[in-house]
Amino acid sequence: MNHADSIAAVDLFTVPTGTFRVLYVFIVFEQARRHIVHFNVTEHPSAQWAAQQLTEACSFDCATRYLIPDYDAIYGAMFGRRVKSLGIKDCSTAPRSSWQNPCAERVIGSIRRECFDHVIVLNERHARRLLKEYVGYYHSARNHLSLNKDPPTSRAIEPPDAGNIIAFPVLGGLHHRCTRIAA
């Protein structure tokens, strides 16, 4: 992909809570290194809130030149003006065509399968805390086949003589970050 370094995707997905409320998670995802640039959670999303999230994710030193939002009403005129004011080209997908934004759909699927399918979310603050911990694991320890089994934040290969492998629990033991520590 010629422009992968300058493409970001945004998407919203829902998370049910233990009190039968629905939370909305907004995510900004950089495609080249599969990096989650920004996320936030709210119970009442609006176009103004989504535009503010984009501003927080794509500051003036942002390398993003193209943005792929889906065809959701929340990405209306206000959101479009914000995208344009940041100097980013909007490349919206067609209605009901999630396959046109596969990287964002895939990362959302990973977040669901590897985090939210295994815990009961209590409220916005709890969802934000879980996402923060998961994103830290996702960036530093989770392997990606598209990155030659490297996490988004590249790490050095640890040779066998560097010590024993120690597993550190993440998300209460749902996942583990493994590293070598000299004995």
C-alpha atoms as a PDB file:
ATOM      1  CA  MET A   1       0.000   0.000   0.000  1.00  0.00           C
ATOM      2  CA  ASN A   2       1.684   3.209  -1.182  1.00  0.00           C
ATOM      3  CA  HIS A   3       0.126   5.570   1.368  1.00  0.00           C
ATOM      4  CA  ALA A   4      -0.128   3.268   4.393  1.00  0.00           C
ATOM      5  CA  ASP A   5       2.007   5.581   6.536  1.00  0.00           C
ATOM      6  CA  SER A   6      -0.466   8.417   6.069  1.00  0.00           C
ATOM      7  CA  ILE A   7      -3.797   6.565   6.439  1.00  0.00           C
ATOM      8  CA  ALA A   8      -5.843   6.495   9.614  1.00  0.00           C
ATOM      9  CA  ALA A   9      -9.269   5.013  10.217  1.00  0.00           C
ATOM     10  CA  VAL A  10     -11.955   5.965  12.716  1.00  0.00           C
ATOM     11  CA  ASP A  11     -14.836   3.853  13.896  1.00  0.00           C
ATOM     12  CA  LEU A  12     -17.371   3.506  16.679  1.00  0.00           C
ATOM     13  CA  PHE A  13     -18.411   0.287  18.330  1.00  0.00           C
ATOM     14  CA  THR A  14     -20.680  -0.550  21.233  1.00  0.00           C
ATOM     15  CA  VAL A  15     -19.959  -2.220  24.547  1.00  0.00           C
ATOM     16  CA  PRO A  16     -22.800  -3.395  26.816  1.00  0.00           C
ATOM     17  CA  THR A  17     -22.455  -2.857  30.559  1.00  0.00           C
ATOM     18  CA  GLY A  18     -23.490  -4.985  33.504  1.00  0.00           C
ATOM     19  CA  THR A  19     -26.349  -2.530  34.127  1.00  0.00           C
ATOM     20  CA  PHE A  20     -27.720  -2.994  30.575  1.00  0.00           C
ATOM     21  CA  ARG A  21     -26.480   0.340  29.310  1.00  0.00           C
ATOM     22  CA  VAL A  22     -24.699   0.728  26.004  1.00  0.00           C
ATOM     23  CA  LEU A  23     -21.364   2.515  25.808  1.00  0.00           C
ATOM     24  CA  TYR A  24     -19.858   3.766  22.567  1.00  0.00           C
ATOM     25  CA  VAL A  25     -16.134   3.464  21.962  1.00  0.00           C
ATOM     26  CA  PHE A  26     -14.532   5.802  19.430  1.00  0.00           C
ATOM     27  CA  ILE A  27     -11.218   4.601  18.055  1.00  0.00           C
ATOM     28  CA  VAL A  28      -8.612   6.201  15.789  1.00  0.00           C
ATOM     29  CA  PHE A  29      -6.346   3.633  14.187  1.00  0.00           C
ATOM     30  CA  GLU A  30      -3.146   4.229  12.182  1.00  0.00           C
ATOM     31  CA  GLN A  31      -2.831   1.572   9.524  1.00  0.00           C
ATOM     32  CA  ALA A  32       0.912   1.314   8.780  1.00  0.00           C
ATOM     33  CA  ARG A  33       1.989  -0.084  12.172  1.00  0.00           C
ATOM     34  CA  ARG A  34      -1.505  -1.098  13.398  1.00  0.00           C
ATOM     35  CA  HIS A  35      -1.228   1.556  16.089  1.00  0.00           C
ATOM     36  CA  ILE A  36      -4.285   2.668  18.092  1.00  0.00           C
ATOM     37  CA  VAL A  37      -3.721   6.415  18.158  1.00  0.00           C
ATOM     38  CA  HIS A  38      -6.664   7.400  20.336  1.00  0.00           C
ATOM     39  CA  PHE A  39      -9.778   6.012  21.968  1.00  0.00           C
ATOM     40  CA  ASN A  40     -12.510   7.291  24.219  1.00  0.00           C
ATOM     41  CA  VAL A  41     -15.768   6.041  25.678  1.00  0.00           C
ATOM     42  CA  THR A  42     -19.130   7.759  26.116  1.00  0.00           C
ATOM     43  CA  GLU A  43     -22.725   6.817  26.718  1.00  0.00           C
ATOM     44  CA  HIS A  44     -24.035   9.637  24.520  1.00  0.00           C
ATOM     45  CA  PRO A  45     -21.975  10.167  21.364  1.00  0.00           C
ATOM     46  CA  SER A  46     -22.544  13.245  19.241  1.00  0.00           C
ATOM     47  CA  ALA A  47     -20.986  14.766  16.142  1.00  0.00           C
ATOM     48  CA  GLN A  48     -19.347  17.426  18.318  1.00  0.00           C
ATOM     49  CA  TRP A  49     -17.875  14.759  20.637  1.00  0.00           C
ATOM     50  CA  ALA A  50     -16.555  12.733  17.667  1.00  0.00           C
ATOM     51  CA  ALA A  51     -14.985  15.859  16.149  1.00  0.00           C
ATOM     52  CA  GLN A  52     -13.314  16.643  19.478  1.00  0.00           C
ATOM     53  CA  GLN A  53     -11.920  13.087  19.658  1.00  0.00           C
ATOM     54  CA  LEU A  54     -10.448  13.485  16.188  1.00  0.00           C
ATOM     55  CA  THR A  55      -8.834  16.774  17.224  1.00  0.00           C
ATOM     56  CA  GLU A  56      -7.286  15.095  20.264  1.00  0.00           C
ATOM     57  CA  ALA A  57      -5.995  12.217  18.117  1.00  0.00           C
ATOM     58  CA  CYS A  58      -4.701  14.228  15.165  1.00  0.00           C
ATOM     59  CA  SER A  59      -2.907  17.257  16.507  1.00  0.00           C
ATOM     60  CA  PHE A  60      -1.078  19.635  14.203  1.00  0.00           C
ATOM     61  CA  ASP A  61       2.028  17.402  14.043  1.00  0.00           C
ATOM     62  CA  CYS A  62      -0.049  14.438  12.855  1.00  0.00           C
ATOM     63  CA  ALA A  63       1.255  12.517   9.824  1.00  0.00           C
ATOM     64  CA  THR A  64      -2.230  11.427   8.778  1.00  0.00           C
ATOM     65  CA  ARG A  65      -3.178  12.667   5.309  1.00  0.00           C
ATOM     66  CA  TYR A  66      -6.176  10.390   4.661  1.00  0.00           C
ATOM     67  CA  LEU A  67      -8.951   9.397   7.047  1.00  0.00           C
ATOM     68  CA  ILE A  68     -11.352   6.497   6.530  1.00  0.00           C
ATOM     69  CA  PRO A  69     -14.579   6.911   8.507  1.00  0.00           C
ATOM     70  CA  ASP A  70     -17.563   4.692   7.841  1.00  0.00           C
ATOM     71  CA  TYR A  71     -20.898   6.027   6.624  1.00  0.00           C
ATOM     72  CA  ASP A  72     -22.328   6.774  10.081  1.00  0.00           C
ATOM     73  CA  ALA A  73     -24.500   9.832  10.724  1.00  0.00           C
ATOM     74  CA  ILE A  74     -22.136  10.934  13.497  1.00  0.00           C
ATOM     75  CA  TYR A  75     -19.532  11.714  10.828  1.00  0.00           C
ATOM     76  CA  GLY A  76     -21.684  14.460   9.345  1.00  0.00           C
ATOM     77  CA  ALA A  77     -20.972  18.062   8.384  1.00  0.00           C
ATOM     78  CA  MET A  78     -19.364  19.092  11.686  1.00  0.00           C
ATOM     79  CA  PHE A  79     -17.010  16.121  11.627  1.00  0.00           C
ATOM     80  CA  GLY A  80     -16.220  16.772   7.953  1.00  0.00           C
ATOM     81  CA  ARG A  81     -15.325  20.410   8.676  1.00  0.00           C
ATOM     82  CA  ARG A  82     -13.007  19.297  11.478  1.00  0.00           C
ATOM     83  CA  VAL A  83     -11.296  16.774   9.203  1.00  0.00           C
ATOM     84  CA  LYS A  84     -10.803  19.455   6.557  1.00  0.00           C
ATOM     85  CA  SER A  85      -9.498  22.001   9.095  1.00  0.00           C
ATOM     86  CA  LEU A  86      -6.841  19.476  10.167  1.00  0.00           C
ATOM     87  CA  GLY A  87      -5.671  19.203   6.559  1.00  0.00           C
ATOM     88  CA  ILE A  88      -6.833  15.608   6.194  1.00  0.00           C
ATOM     89  CA  LYS A  89      -8.667  14.166   3.187  1.00  0.00           C
ATOM     90  CA  ASP A  90     -11.893  12.331   4.054  1.00  0.00           C
ATOM     91  CA  CYS A  91     -12.246   8.973   2.251  1.00  0.00           C
ATOM     92  CA  SER A  92     -15.593   7.743   3.611  1.00  0.00           C
ATOM     93  CA  THR A  93     -16.757   4.209   2.952  1.00  0.00           C
ATOM     94  CA  ALA A  94     -20.013   3.412   1.198  1.00  0.00           C
ATOM     95  CA  PRO A  95     -23.147   2.696   3.286  1.00  0.00           C
ATOM     96  CA  ARG A  96     -23.227  -0.782   4.862  1.00  0.00           C
ATOM     97  CA  SER A  97     -19.752  -1.597   3.517  1.00  0.00           C
ATOM     98  CA  SER A  98     -17.621  -2.411   6.536  1.00  0.00           C
ATOM     99  CA  TRP A  99     -15.363  -4.477   4.271  1.00  0.00           C
ATOM    100  CA  GLN A 100     -14.044  -1.172   2.862  1.00  0.00           C
ATOM    101  CA  ASN A 101     -12.359  -0.454   6.201  1.00  0.00           C
ATOM    102  CA  PRO A 102     -10.929  -3.887   7.079  1.00  0.00           C
ATOM    103  CA  CYS A 103      -8.093  -2.761   9.354  1.00  0.00           C
ATOM    104  CA  ALA A 104     -10.413  -0.864  11.691  1.00  0.00           C
ATOM    105  CA  GLU A 105     -12.917  -3.717  11.691  1.00  0.00           C
ATOM    106  CA  ARG A 106     -10.151  -6.160  12.508  1.00  0.00           C
ATOM    107  CA  VAL A 107      -8.786  -4.168  15.448  1.00  0.00           C
ATOM    108  CA  ILE A 108     -12.323  -3.744  16.815  1.00  0.00           C
ATOM    109  CA  GLY A 109     -12.826  -7.494  16.509  1.00  0.00           C
ATOM    110  CA  SER A 110      -9.572  -8.058  18.401  1.00  0.00           C
ATOM    111  CA  ILE A 111     -10.643  -5.680  21.176  1.00  0.00           C
ATOM    112  CA  ARG A 112     -13.986  -7.459  21.472  1.00  0.00           C
ATOM    113  CA  ARG A 113     -12.590 -11.026  21.365  1.00  0.00           C
ATOM    114  CA  GLU A 114      -9.532 -10.405  23.533  1.00  0.00           C
ATOM    115  CA  CYS A 115     -10.967  -7.981  26.080  1.00  0.00           C
ATOM    116  CA  PHE A 116     -14.674  -7.189  26.252  1.00  0.00           C
ATOM    117  CA  ASP A 117     -15.956 -10.720  25.583  1.00  0.00           C
ATOM    118  CA  HIS A 118     -14.279 -11.838  28.835  1.00  0.00           C
ATOM    119  CA  VAL A 119     -15.188  -9.090  31.301  1.00  0.00           C
ATOM    120  CA  ILE A 120     -18.345  -7.381  32.516  1.00  0.00           C
ATOM    121  CA  VAL A 121     -17.989  -3.646  32.015  1.00  0.00           C
ATOM    122  CA  LEU A 122     -19.447  -1.605  34.860  1.00  0.00           C
ATOM    123  CA  ASN A 123     -19.380   1.970  33.523  1.00  0.00           C
ATOM    124  CA  GLU A 124     -17.509   4.429  31.290  1.00  0.00           C
ATOM    125  CA  ARG A 125     -14.576   4.761  33.680  1.00  0.00           C
ATOM    126  CA  HIS A 126     -14.197   0.980  33.912  1.00  0.00           C
ATOM    127  CA  ALA A 127     -14.361   0.598  30.112  1.00  0.00           C
ATOM    128  CA  ARG A 128     -11.743   3.326  29.692  1.00  0.00           C
ATOM    129  CA  ARG A 129      -9.434   1.643  32.229  1.00  0.00           C
ATOM    130  CA  LEU A 130      -9.804  -1.753  30.537  1.00  0.00           C
ATOM    131  CA  LEU A 131      -9.151  -0.228  27.122  1.00  0.00           C
ATOM    132  CA  LYS A 132      -6.088   1.638  28.381  1.00  0.00           C
ATOM    133  CA  GLU A 133      -4.594  -1.573  29.751  1.00  0.00           C
ATOM    134  CA  TYR A 134      -5.530  -3.563  26.641  1.00  0.00           C
ATOM    135  CA  VAL A 135      -4.083  -0.929  24.284  1.00  0.00           C
ATOM    136  CA  GLY A 136      -0.825  -0.976  26.260  1.00  0.00           C
ATOM    137  CA  TYR A 137      -0.683  -4.767  25.828  1.00  0.00           C
ATOM    138  CA  TYR A 138      -1.738  -4.491  22.166  1.00  0.00           C
ATOM    139  CA  HIS A 139       1.059  -2.023  21.382  1.00  0.00           C
ATOM    140  CA  SER A 140       3.895  -3.615  23.328  1.00  0.00           C
ATOM    141  CA  ALA A 141       3.290  -7.359  23.491  1.00  0.00           C
ATOM    142  CA  ARG A 142       0.623  -8.594  21.072  1.00  0.00           C
ATOM    143  CA  ASN A 143       2.066 -10.114  17.893  1.00  0.00           C
ATOM    144  CA  HIS A 144       0.665  -9.134  14.493  1.00  0.00           C
ATOM    145  CA  LEU A 145       1.070 -11.357  11.468  1.00  0.00           C
ATOM    146  CA  SER A 146       0.976  -8.331   9.155  1.00  0.00           C
ATOM    147  CA  LEU A 147       3.994  -6.931  11.039  1.00  0.00           C
ATOM    148  CA  ASN A 148       6.006 -10.188  10.821  1.00  0.00           C
ATOM    149  CA  LYS A 149       4.915 -11.168  14.347  1.00  0.00           C
ATOM    150  CA  ASP A 150       6.108  -7.868  15.804  1.00  0.00           C
ATOM    151  CA  PRO A 151       3.882  -5.653  17.991  1.00  0.00           C
ATOM    152  CA  PRO A 152       3.025  -2.124  16.771  1.00  0.00           C
ATOM    153  CA  THR A 153       5.748  -0.721  19.031  1.00  0.00           C
ATOM    154  CA  SER A 154       8.679  -2.719  17.737  1.00  0.00           C
ATOM    155  CA  ARG A 155      10.807  -4.527  20.298  1.00  0.00           C
ATOM    156  CA  ALA A 156      14.208  -6.168  20.180  1.00  0.00           C
ATOM    157  CA  ILE A 157      14.493  -9.931  19.907  1.00  0.00           C
ATOM    158  CA  GLU A 158      15.623 -11.399  23.221  1.00  0.00           C
ATOM    159  CA  PRO A 159      18.205 -14.175  22.747  1.00  0.00           C
ATOM    160  CA  PRO A 160      17.877 -17.391  24.801  1.00  0.00           C
ATOM    161  CA  ASP A 161      20.971 -16.575  26.862  1.00  0.00           C
ATOM    162  CA  ALA A 162      19.323 -13.342  28.135  1.00  0.00           C
ATOM    163  CA  GLY A 163      17.631 -15.273  30.953  1.00  0.00           C
ATOM    164  CA  ASN A 164      14.482 -17.133  31.845  1.00  0.00           C
ATOM    165  CA  ILE A 165      11.115 -16.252  30.360  1.00  0.00           C
ATOM    166  CA  ILE A 166       8.814 -14.541  32.846  1.00  0.00           C
ATOM    167  CA  ALA A 167       5.124 -13.913  32.136  1.00  0.00           C
ATOM    168  CA  PHE A 168       3.519 -10.771  33.523  1.00  0.00           C
ATOM    169  CA  PRO A 169      -0.289 -10.809  33.742  1.00  0.00           C
ATOM    170  CA  VAL A 170      -2.294  -8.205  31.828  1.00  0.00           C
ATOM    171  CA  LEU A 171      -5.994  -7.494  32.355  1.00  0.00           C
ATOM    172  CA  GLY A 172      -6.088  -9.601  35.505  1.00  0.00           C
ATOM    173  CA  GLY A 173      -4.385 -12.579  33.846  1.00  0.00           C
ATOM    174  CA  LEU A 174      -6.522 -12.575  30.700  1.00  0.00           C
ATOM    175  CA  HIS A 175      -3.316 -12.044  28.693  1.00  0.00           C
ATOM    176  CA  HIS A 176       0.381 -12.165  29.507  1.00  0.00           C
ATOM    177  CA  ARG A 177       3.382 -10.125  28.442  1.00  0.00           C
ATOM    178  CA  CYS A 178       6.425 -12.372  28.311  1.00  0.00           C
ATOM    179  CA  THR A 179      10.009 -11.197  28.609  1.00  0.00           C
ATOM    180  CA  ARG A 180      13.388 -12.637  29.522  1.00  0.00           C
ATOM    181  CA  ILE A 181      14.935 -11.691  32.847  1.00  0.00           C
ATOM    182  CA  ALA A 182      18.465 -12.640  33.843  1.00  0.00           C
ATOM    183  CA  ALA A 183      18.516 -15.040  36.761  1.00  0.00           C
END
